[in-house]
C-alpha atoms as a PDB file:
ATOM      1  CA  MET A   1      66.315 -23.490 -16.116  1.00  0.00           C
ATOM      2  CA  VAL A   2      67.462 -19.931 -15.457  1.00  0.00           C
ATOM      3  CA  ASP A   3      67.607 -19.333 -11.713  1.00  0.00           C
ATOM      4  CA  ALA A   4      68.392 -15.612 -11.870  1.00  0.00           C
ATOM      5  CA  ALA A   5      69.278 -12.904 -14.378  1.00  0.00           C
ATOM      6  CA  TYR A   6      70.651  -9.387 -14.008  1.00  0.00           C
ATOM      7  CA  ARG A   7      70.881  -6.704 -16.684  1.00  0.00           C
ATOM      8  CA  ILE A   8      74.291  -5.079 -16.148  1.00  0.00           C
ATOM      9  CA  ALA A   9      73.894  -1.324 -15.641  1.00  0.00           C
ATOM     10  CA  GLY A  10      75.158   0.751 -18.573  1.00  0.00           C
ATOM     11  CA  LYS A  11      75.844  -2.260 -20.803  1.00  0.00           C
ATOM     12  CA  ASN A  12      73.907  -4.388 -23.290  1.00  0.00           C
ATOM     13  CA  GLU A  13      74.714  -7.458 -21.236  1.00  0.00           C
ATOM     14  CA  TYR A  14      73.148  -9.849 -18.764  1.00  0.00           C
ATOM     15  CA  TYR A  15      74.499 -12.112 -16.104  1.00  0.00           C
ATOM     16  CA  ILE A  16      72.664 -15.426 -16.268  1.00  0.00           C
ATOM     17  CA  PHE A  17      72.753 -17.771 -13.261  1.00  0.00           C
ATOM     18  CA  ALA A  18      71.887 -21.472 -13.552  1.00  0.00           C
ATOM     19  CA  GLY A  19      72.659 -23.989 -10.850  1.00  0.00           C
ATOM     20  CA  ARG A  20      76.223 -23.515  -9.627  1.00  0.00           C
ATOM     21  CA  HIS A  21      77.305 -21.629 -12.758  1.00  0.00           C
ATOM     22  CA  TYR A  22      76.902 -18.226 -14.357  1.00  0.00           C
ATOM     23  CA  GLY A  23      77.733 -16.672 -17.709  1.00  0.00           C
ATOM     24  CA  ARG A  24      77.663 -13.247 -19.333  1.00  0.00           C
ATOM     25  CA  VAL A  25      75.494 -12.738 -22.413  1.00  0.00           C
ATOM     26  CA  LYS A  26      75.601  -9.750 -24.761  1.00  0.00           C
ATOM     27  CA  MET A  27      72.314  -8.770 -26.364  1.00  0.00           C
ATOM     28  CA  THR A  28      72.192  -6.842 -29.651  1.00  0.00           C
ATOM     29  CA  PRO A  29      68.688  -5.481 -30.289  1.00  0.00           C
ATOM     30  CA  PRO A  30      66.228  -6.670 -31.188  1.00  0.00           C
ATOM     31  CA  ASP A  31      67.022 -10.214 -29.987  1.00  0.00           C
ATOM     32  CA  HIS A  32      70.492 -11.276 -31.090  1.00  0.00           C
ATOM     33  CA  GLU A  33      72.494 -12.725 -28.222  1.00  0.00           C
ATOM     34  CA  ASN A  34      75.902 -14.284 -27.803  1.00  0.00           C
ATOM     35  CA  LEU A  35      77.898 -15.609 -24.884  1.00  0.00           C
ATOM     36  CA  VAL A  36      80.797 -13.257 -24.108  1.00  0.00           C
ATOM     37  CA  SER A  37      81.989 -14.942 -20.935  1.00  0.00           C
ATOM     38  CA  ARG A  38      81.827 -18.715 -20.779  1.00  0.00           C
ATOM     39  CA  PRO A  39      79.990 -20.394 -17.912  1.00  0.00           C
ATOM     40  CA  LYS A  40      81.995 -20.818 -14.740  1.00  0.00           C
ATOM     41  CA  LEU A  41      81.391 -21.540 -11.094  1.00  0.00           C
ATOM     42  CA  ILE A  42      79.732 -18.747  -9.137  1.00  0.00           C
ATOM     43  CA  THR A  43      82.295 -19.329  -6.378  1.00  0.00           C
ATOM     44  CA  LYS A  44      85.130 -18.654  -8.844  1.00  0.00           C
ATOM     45  CA  GLY A  45      83.805 -15.426 -10.321  1.00  0.00           C
ATOM     46  CA  TRP A  46      82.034 -13.617  -7.472  1.00  0.00           C
ATOM     47  CA  ASN A  47      84.181 -12.956  -4.394  1.00  0.00           C
ATOM     48  CA  THR A  48      81.240 -11.633  -2.403  1.00  0.00           C
ATOM     49  CA  LEU A  49      79.108 -14.703  -3.065  1.00  0.00           C
ATOM     50  CA  ASN A  50      81.978 -17.093  -2.424  1.00  0.00           C
ATOM     51  CA  ASN A  51      82.781 -15.343   0.860  1.00  0.00           C
ATOM     52  CA  SER A  52      79.106 -15.584   1.814  1.00  0.00           C
ATOM     53  CA  GLY A  53      78.908 -19.308   1.106  1.00  0.00           C
ATOM     54  CA  PHE A  54      76.573 -18.844  -1.865  1.00  0.00           C
ATOM     55  CA  GLY A  55      77.298 -21.724  -4.249  1.00  0.00           C
ATOM     56  CA  CYS A  56      74.033 -21.015  -6.077  1.00  0.00           C
ATOM     57  CA  VAL A  57      71.730 -18.016  -6.492  1.00  0.00           C
ATOM     58  CA  ASN A  58      67.935 -17.865  -6.246  1.00  0.00           C
ATOM     59  CA  THR A  59      67.353 -14.198  -7.037  1.00  0.00           C
ATOM     60  CA  VAL A  60      69.262 -11.108  -8.174  1.00  0.00           C
ATOM     61  CA  VAL A  61      67.544  -7.705  -8.199  1.00  0.00           C
ATOM     62  CA  PRO A  62      68.953  -4.157  -8.515  1.00  0.00           C
ATOM     63  CA  VAL A  63      68.602  -1.998  -5.426  1.00  0.00           C
ATOM     64  CA  PRO A  64      65.957   0.673  -6.120  1.00  0.00           C
ATOM     65  CA  GLY A  65      67.712   3.966  -6.833  1.00  0.00           C
ATOM     66  CA  HIS A  66      71.116   2.248  -7.258  1.00  0.00           C
ATOM     67  CA  ASP A  67      71.400   0.266 -10.488  1.00  0.00           C
ATOM     68  CA  ASP A  68      75.023  -0.658  -9.722  1.00  0.00           C
ATOM     69  CA  GLN A  69      74.005  -2.266  -6.423  1.00  0.00           C
ATOM     70  CA  LEU A  70      72.336  -5.649  -6.068  1.00  0.00           C
ATOM     71  CA  TYR A  71      70.417  -7.723  -3.595  1.00  0.00           C
ATOM     72  CA  VAL A  72      71.320 -11.373  -4.090  1.00  0.00           C
ATOM     73  CA  PHE A  73      69.213 -14.061  -2.372  1.00  0.00           C
ATOM     74  CA  PHE A  74      70.104 -17.692  -1.737  1.00  0.00           C
ATOM     75  CA  GLY A  75      67.994 -19.869   0.531  1.00  0.00           C
ATOM     76  CA  GLY A  76      67.099 -17.921   3.653  1.00  0.00           C
ATOM     77  CA  ARG A  77      69.924 -15.390   3.273  1.00  0.00           C
ATOM     78  CA  TYR A  78      70.820 -12.381   1.164  1.00  0.00           C
ATOM     79  CA  VAL A  79      73.743 -10.045   0.469  1.00  0.00           C
ATOM     80  CA  HIS A  80      73.837  -6.387  -0.566  1.00  0.00           C
ATOM     81  CA  ILE A  81      76.700  -5.843  -3.006  1.00  0.00           C
ATOM     82  CA  ARG A  82      78.031  -3.350  -5.553  1.00  0.00           C
ATOM     83  CA  LEU A  83      79.122  -4.166  -9.117  1.00  0.00           C
ATOM     84  CA  ASP A  84      81.754  -1.886 -10.644  1.00  0.00           C
ATOM     85  CA  ASN A  85      83.033  -2.803 -14.126  1.00  0.00           C
ATOM     86  CA  TYR A  86      82.367  -6.500 -13.412  1.00  0.00           C
ATOM     87  CA  ASP A  87      84.115  -6.358 -10.007  1.00  0.00           C
ATOM     88  CA  ASP A  88      81.890  -7.046  -7.010  1.00  0.00           C
ATOM     89  CA  SER A  89      82.246  -5.742  -3.465  1.00  0.00           C
ATOM     90  CA  PHE A  90      80.110  -5.645  -0.337  1.00  0.00           C
ATOM     91  CA  VAL A  91      77.935  -2.653   0.494  1.00  0.00           C
ATOM     92  CA  ILE A  92      76.822  -4.328   3.708  1.00  0.00           C
ATOM     93  CA  ASP A  93      79.411  -6.841   4.865  1.00  0.00           C
ATOM     94  CA  GLY A  94      78.632 -10.521   4.510  1.00  0.00           C
ATOM     95  CA  ALA A  95      75.410 -12.502   4.279  1.00  0.00           C
ATOM     96  CA  HIS A  96      72.407 -11.822   6.486  1.00  0.00           C
ATOM     97  CA  SER A  97      69.180 -13.702   7.117  1.00  0.00           C
ATOM     98  CA  ILE A  98      66.177 -12.494   5.133  1.00  0.00           C
ATOM     99  CA  GLU A  99      64.408 -12.065   8.446  1.00  0.00           C
ATOM    100  CA  SER A 100      67.035  -9.635   9.732  1.00  0.00           C
ATOM    101  CA  GLY A 101      66.712  -7.323   6.724  1.00  0.00           C
ATOM    102  CA  TRP A 102      63.244  -8.049   5.372  1.00  0.00           C
ATOM    103  CA  LYS A 103      61.149  -8.897   8.415  1.00  0.00           C
ATOM    104  CA  ALA A 104      57.860  -8.067   6.701  1.00  0.00           C
ATOM    105  CA  LEU A 105      58.601 -10.619   3.978  1.00  0.00           C
ATOM    106  CA  VAL A 106      59.220 -13.431   6.434  1.00  0.00           C
ATOM    107  CA  GLN A 107      56.123 -12.530   8.430  1.00  0.00           C
ATOM    108  CA  THR A 108      54.029 -13.145   5.300  1.00  0.00           C
ATOM    109  CA  GLY A 109      55.664 -16.511   4.561  1.00  0.00           C
ATOM    110  CA  PHE A 110      58.388 -15.341   2.195  1.00  0.00           C
ATOM    111  CA  ASP A 111      61.321 -16.907   4.058  1.00  0.00           C
ATOM    112  CA  THR A 112      62.906 -17.607   0.663  1.00  0.00           C
ATOM    113  CA  VAL A 113      62.539 -15.699  -2.626  1.00  0.00           C
ATOM    114  CA  ASP A 114      62.170 -17.207  -6.118  1.00  0.00           C
ATOM    115  CA  ALA A 115      62.297 -13.980  -8.128  1.00  0.00           C
ATOM    116  CA  ALA A 116      62.197 -10.214  -7.686  1.00  0.00           C
ATOM    117  CA  LEU A 117      61.630  -7.171  -9.892  1.00  0.00           C
ATOM    118  CA  LYS A 118      61.969  -3.448  -9.303  1.00  0.00           C
ATOM    119  CA  VAL A 119      58.553  -1.840  -9.669  1.00  0.00           C
ATOM    120  CA  PRO A 120      58.531   0.355 -12.806  1.00  0.00           C
ATOM    121  CA  GLY A 121      58.379   4.054 -11.988  1.00  0.00           C
ATOM    122  CA  SER A 122      59.260   3.541  -8.331  1.00  0.00           C
ATOM    123  CA  ASP A 123      62.541   4.334  -6.561  1.00  0.00           C
ATOM    124  CA  THR A 124      61.589   2.335  -3.485  1.00  0.00           C
ATOM    125  CA  ASP A 125      59.487  -0.722  -4.331  1.00  0.00           C
ATOM    126  CA  ILE A 126      60.203  -4.304  -5.384  1.00  0.00           C
ATOM    127  CA  TYR A 127      57.897  -7.148  -6.382  1.00  0.00           C
ATOM    128  CA  PHE A 128      58.889 -10.421  -4.684  1.00  0.00           C
ATOM    129  CA  PHE A 129      57.734 -13.823  -5.934  1.00  0.00           C
ATOM    130  CA  ARG A 130      57.613 -17.082  -4.010  1.00  0.00           C
ATOM    131  CA  GLY A 131      55.834 -20.179  -5.252  1.00  0.00           C
ATOM    132  CA  LEU A 132      52.368 -19.282  -6.509  1.00  0.00           C
ATOM    133  CA  HIS A 133      52.291 -15.841  -4.836  1.00  0.00           C
ATOM    134  CA  TYR A 134      53.842 -12.392  -4.992  1.00  0.00           C
ATOM    135  CA  VAL A 135      53.936  -9.276  -2.852  1.00  0.00           C
ATOM    136  CA  ARG A 136      55.061  -5.671  -3.274  1.00  0.00           C
ATOM    137  CA  MET A 137      57.386  -4.144  -0.697  1.00  0.00           C
ATOM    138  CA  ASN A 138      58.743  -0.645  -0.008  1.00  0.00           C
ATOM    139  CA  CYS A 139      62.459  -1.149   0.609  1.00  0.00           C
ATOM    140  CA  SER A 140      62.900   2.239   2.278  1.00  0.00           C
ATOM    141  CA  SER A 141      60.250   1.683   4.938  1.00  0.00           C
ATOM    142  CA  GLY A 142      60.598  -2.092   5.103  1.00  0.00           C
ATOM    143  CA  LYS A 143      56.821  -2.389   4.867  1.00  0.00           C
ATOM    144  CA  LEU A 144      54.590  -4.207   2.421  1.00  0.00           C
ATOM    145  CA  THR A 145      52.758  -1.988  -0.058  1.00  0.00           C
ATOM    146  CA  GLY A 146      50.011  -4.563  -0.527  1.00  0.00           C
ATOM    147  CA  LYS A 147      48.959  -7.997   0.659  1.00  0.00           C
ATOM    148  CA  VAL A 148      50.310 -11.322  -0.550  1.00  0.00           C
ATOM    149  CA  THR A 149      48.416 -12.186  -3.737  1.00  0.00           C
ATOM    150  CA  PRO A 150      48.271 -15.213  -6.067  1.00  0.00           C
ATOM    151  CA  ILE A 151      50.205 -14.674  -9.284  1.00  0.00           C
ATOM    152  CA  LYS A 152      47.158 -15.899 -11.208  1.00  0.00           C
ATOM    153  CA  THR A 153      45.160 -12.986  -9.758  1.00  0.00           C
ATOM    154  CA  GLY A 154      47.644 -10.143 -10.187  1.00  0.00           C
ATOM    155  CA  TRP A 155      49.633 -11.054 -13.326  1.00  0.00           C
ATOM    156  CA  PRO A 156      47.316 -12.000 -16.239  1.00  0.00           C
ATOM    157  CA  SER A 157      50.255 -11.914 -18.668  1.00  0.00           C
ATOM    158  CA  ILE A 158      52.059 -14.642 -16.718  1.00  0.00           C
ATOM    159  CA  VAL A 159      48.881 -16.735 -16.603  1.00  0.00           C
ATOM    160  CA  LYS A 160      48.412 -16.310 -20.373  1.00  0.00           C
ATOM    161  CA  ALA A 161      51.972 -17.524 -20.872  1.00  0.00           C
ATOM    162  CA  GLY A 162      50.972 -20.703 -19.069  1.00  0.00           C
ATOM    163  CA  PHE A 163      53.158 -20.067 -16.023  1.00  0.00           C
ATOM    164  CA  ASP A 164      51.956 -20.471 -12.454  1.00  0.00           C
ATOM    165  CA  CYS A 165      55.249 -19.357 -10.898  1.00  0.00           C
ATOM    166  CA  VAL A 166      58.330 -17.301 -11.842  1.00  0.00           C
ATOM    167  CA  ASP A 167      61.997 -18.307 -11.756  1.00  0.00           C
ATOM    168  CA  THR A 168      63.299 -14.906 -12.773  1.00  0.00           C
ATOM    169  CA  MET A 169      62.202 -11.707 -14.512  1.00  0.00           C
ATOM    170  CA  VAL A 170      64.548  -9.172 -16.129  1.00  0.00           C
ATOM    171  CA  SER A 171      64.138  -5.998 -18.215  1.00  0.00           C
ATOM    172  CA  ILE A 172      64.781  -6.111 -21.971  1.00  0.00           C
ATOM    173  CA  ILE A 173      67.513  -3.934 -23.434  1.00  0.00           C
ATOM    174  CA  ASP A 174      66.204  -1.042 -25.584  1.00  0.00           C
ATOM    175  CA  ARG A 175      62.550  -1.986 -24.943  1.00  0.00           C
ATOM    176  CA  PRO A 176      61.365   0.115 -21.985  1.00  0.00           C
ATOM    177  CA  GLY A 177      58.665  -1.561 -19.935  1.00  0.00           C
ATOM    178  CA  HIS A 178      59.308  -4.988 -21.485  1.00  0.00           C
ATOM    179  CA  TYR A 179      60.569  -8.009 -19.535  1.00  0.00           C
ATOM    180  CA  TYR A 180      61.722 -11.558 -20.078  1.00  0.00           C
ATOM    181  CA  VAL A 181      59.926 -13.949 -17.724  1.00  0.00           C
ATOM    182  CA  PHE A 182      61.512 -17.379 -17.177  1.00  0.00           C
ATOM    183  CA  CYS A 183      59.737 -20.432 -15.780  1.00  0.00           C
ATOM    184  CA  GLY A 184      61.261 -23.891 -15.970  1.00  0.00           C
ATOM    185  CA  SER A 185      62.496 -24.593 -19.500  1.00  0.00           C
ATOM    186  CA  GLN A 186      60.485 -21.751 -21.071  1.00  0.00           C
ATOM    187  CA  TYR A 187      60.382 -17.965 -21.258  1.00  0.00           C
ATOM    188  CA  ALA A 188      57.937 -15.309 -22.433  1.00  0.00           C
ATOM    189  CA  VAL A 189      57.946 -11.539 -23.001  1.00  0.00           C
ATOM    190  CA  ILE A 190      55.570  -9.234 -21.141  1.00  0.00           C
ATOM    191  CA  ARG A 191      55.000  -5.484 -20.923  1.00  0.00           C
ATOM    192  CA  LEU A 192      54.477  -3.801 -17.561  1.00  0.00           C
ATOM    193  CA  ASP A 193      53.532  -0.137 -17.267  1.00  0.00           C
ATOM    194  CA  ASN A 194      53.977   2.264 -14.365  1.00  0.00           C
ATOM    195  CA  ALA A 195      50.382   1.700 -13.313  1.00  0.00           C
ATOM    196  CA  GLY A 196      51.069  -1.995 -12.798  1.00  0.00           C
ATOM    197  CA  HIS A 197      49.131  -3.227 -15.841  1.00  0.00           C
ATOM    198  CA  ASP A 198      50.794  -6.171 -17.573  1.00  0.00           C
ATOM    199  CA  THR A 199      50.316  -7.582 -21.068  1.00  0.00           C
ATOM    200  CA  LEU A 200      51.673 -10.713 -22.729  1.00  0.00           C
ATOM    201  CA  ILE A 201      53.723  -9.662 -25.769  1.00  0.00           C
ATOM    202  CA  SER A 202      55.313 -12.932 -26.834  1.00  0.00           C
ATOM    203  CA  ALA A 203      53.937 -16.363 -25.966  1.00  0.00           C
ATOM    204  CA  ALA A 204      56.013 -18.856 -24.035  1.00  0.00           C
ATOM    205  CA  LYS A 205      58.611 -20.852 -25.936  1.00  0.00           C
ATOM    206  CA  PRO A 206      61.611 -22.999 -25.017  1.00  0.00           C
ATOM    207  CA  ILE A 207      64.658 -21.148 -23.715  1.00  0.00           C
ATOM    208  CA  SER A 208      66.715 -23.110 -26.238  1.00  0.00           C
ATOM    209  CA  ASP A 209      64.765 -21.471 -29.109  1.00  0.00           C
ATOM    210  CA  GLY A 210      65.466 -17.873 -28.114  1.00  0.00           C
ATOM    211  CA  TRP A 211      68.673 -18.084 -26.076  1.00  0.00           C
ATOM    212  CA  THR A 212      71.009 -20.328 -28.053  1.00  0.00           C
ATOM    213  CA  SER A 213      73.996 -19.054 -26.059  1.00  0.00           C
ATOM    214  CA  LEU A 214      72.579 -20.859 -23.024  1.00  0.00           C
ATOM    215  CA  ASP A 215      72.509 -24.253 -24.735  1.00  0.00           C
ATOM    216  CA  ASP A 216      74.306 -27.079 -22.937  1.00  0.00           C
ATOM    217  CA  TRP A 217      74.546 -25.329 -19.576  1.00  0.00           C
ATOM    218  CA  VAL A 218      71.048 -24.018 -18.723  1.00  0.00           C
END
């Protein structure tokens, strides 16, 4: 399974995280991908994550308004880092508990995070997913924009794909408003507009069918 994915700002590349390893995949539109950096231990390639004790990653999401900055979540902790030409550095030093930086999330039961996605058209908001539920949060105010809601109620495209939860969601290169959604051993393609309306574009299929570069390690 794919635990987390990040589209590298300014490049046609993704970081893919699976278990204790990560790799870098180059995508040539429409859907041709190849592995450009072989899988290696997260602790060997990311100084910030190694220094934070993150042997694995649950979620990676760009900071709203700063595509070169990331929030990375693992268990009940997170780090805020910057990525500059593949080199990572801290924006806020070290790892912090989710509760210390995202109190509203923890108060609603999100003491860990499975997946996260910047809200299209917003410079402040992120969707957070945990288990069968999701919530929208304003990162500037630290307040929830809406209540915790079942994925099956708020994301018909994910339900149509046959998923009841989300491992990771990441934008598709050269297809504005389109996203890969990963769940277990499968992935699907959805479209999400600025009004929050989602549509299933491509039905779920095995990751091994569409992401051959991930064979043998995801």
